[in-house]
Amino acid sequence: MESKVKRLLERLAEVEEVLSDPKIYEDPAKYRALTQEHAYLSAIKVAWTEKERCQKQIEDNREWLKSESDPAFAELLRQDNGQLEKQL
């Protein structure tokens, strides 16, 4: 899945480059298609970035739990991980 998402993000960069060319406005149909594709790919980028953020936070919390001596804070970290895992 990761390789597919990376290809889609590469495509997003390509689409953005084409859309930055003022000549794109000369072909309204192509412009419309590219803006729709851009919206779709941008949504994927936002979702992927959020997924990576959640995974990183879970990893950080797990590392912190290994050395945490305060039981209340450790429980807070476990609860946070539970919420983050639900988001994934």
Protein backbone atom coordinates (compact mmCIF):
# COMPACT_ATOMS: atom_id res chain seq x y z
CA MET A 1 0.00 0.00 0.00
CA GLU A 2 2.81 2.39 0.85
CA SER A 3 4.30 2.17 -2.65
CA LYS A 4 0.91 2.88 -4.20
CA VAL A 5 0.45 5.95 -2.00
CA LYS A 6 3.93 7.17 -2.87
CA ARG A 7 3.09 6.86 -6.58
CA LEU A 8 -0.09 8.85 -6.00
CA LEU A 9 1.85 11.54 -4.14
CA GLU A 10 4.33 11.70 -7.00
CA ARG A 11 1.40 12.13 -9.36
CA LEU A 12 0.13 14.96 -7.16
CA ALA A 13 3.44 16.77 -7.63
CA GLU A 14 3.17 16.26 -11.40
CA VAL A 15 -0.39 17.59 -11.47
CA GLU A 16 0.62 20.62 -9.42
CA GLU A 17 3.43 21.33 -11.84
CA VAL A 18 1.08 21.19 -14.84
CA LEU A 19 -1.48 23.37 -13.06
CA SER A 20 1.18 25.98 -12.36
CA ASP A 21 1.65 26.53 -16.10
CA PRO A 22 -0.60 29.40 -17.27
CA LYS A 23 -1.11 27.64 -20.61
CA ILE A 24 -3.34 25.09 -18.87
CA TYR A 25 -6.17 27.63 -18.99
CA GLU A 26 -6.19 27.36 -22.77
CA ASP A 27 -7.76 23.91 -22.47
CA PRO A 28 -10.71 24.18 -20.06
CA ALA A 29 -11.52 20.46 -20.20
CA LYS A 30 -7.97 19.48 -19.31
CA TYR A 31 -7.85 22.13 -16.59
CA ARG A 32 -11.11 20.84 -15.09
CA ALA A 33 -9.89 17.23 -15.17
CA LEU A 34 -6.60 18.15 -13.55
CA THR A 35 -8.23 20.21 -10.81
CA GLN A 36 -10.53 17.28 -10.00
CA GLU A 37 -7.56 14.92 -9.92
CA HIS A 38 -5.70 17.41 -7.75
CA ALA A 39 -8.56 17.52 -5.25
CA TYR A 40 -8.65 13.71 -5.08
CA LEU A 41 -4.89 13.38 -4.68
CA SER A 42 -4.76 16.18 -2.11
CA ALA A 43 -7.31 14.33 0.02
CA ILE A 44 -5.14 11.22 -0.15
CA LYS A 45 -2.13 13.25 0.92
CA VAL A 46 -3.98 14.67 3.93
CA ALA A 47 -5.17 11.21 4.99
CA TRP A 48 -1.72 9.66 4.52
CA THR A 49 -0.04 12.45 6.49
CA GLU A 50 -2.52 11.99 9.34
CA LYS A 51 -1.95 8.21 9.33
CA GLU A 52 1.81 8.72 9.53
CA ARG A 53 1.38 11.27 12.33
CA CYS A 54 -0.75 8.86 14.36
CA GLN A 55 1.69 6.00 13.84
CA LYS A 56 4.62 8.17 14.93
CA GLN A 57 2.75 9.35 18.03
CA ILE A 58 1.91 5.74 18.96
CA GLU A 59 5.57 4.75 18.60
CA ASP A 60 6.68 7.73 20.68
CA ASN A 61 4.13 6.94 23.39
CA ARG A 62 5.27 3.29 23.53
CA GLU A 63 8.88 4.37 23.96
CA TRP A 64 7.86 6.80 26.68
CA LEU A 65 5.87 4.09 28.46
CA LYS A 66 9.00 1.94 28.76
CA SER A 67 10.59 4.46 31.10
CA GLU A 68 7.57 6.17 32.68
CA SER A 69 7.35 5.75 36.46
CA ASP A 70 4.20 7.79 37.08
CA PRO A 71 1.23 5.37 36.85
CA ALA A 72 -1.26 8.15 36.09
CA PHE A 73 0.81 9.48 33.20
CA ALA A 74 1.42 5.95 31.91
CA GLU A 75 -2.33 5.38 31.87
CA LEU A 76 -2.81 8.65 30.00
CA LEU A 77 -0.29 7.47 27.37
CA ARG A 78 -2.12 4.13 27.02
CA GLN A 79 -5.44 5.94 26.58
CA ASP A 80 -3.89 8.24 24.00
CA ASN A 81 -2.59 5.22 22.09
CA GLY A 82 -6.04 3.63 22.20
CA GLN A 83 -7.59 6.73 20.65
CA LEU A 84 -4.86 7.00 18.04
CA GLU A 85 -5.22 3.34 17.07
CA LYS A 86 -8.96 3.88 16.53
CA GLN A 87 -8.11 6.68 14.09
CA LEU A 88 -5.98 4.31 12.05
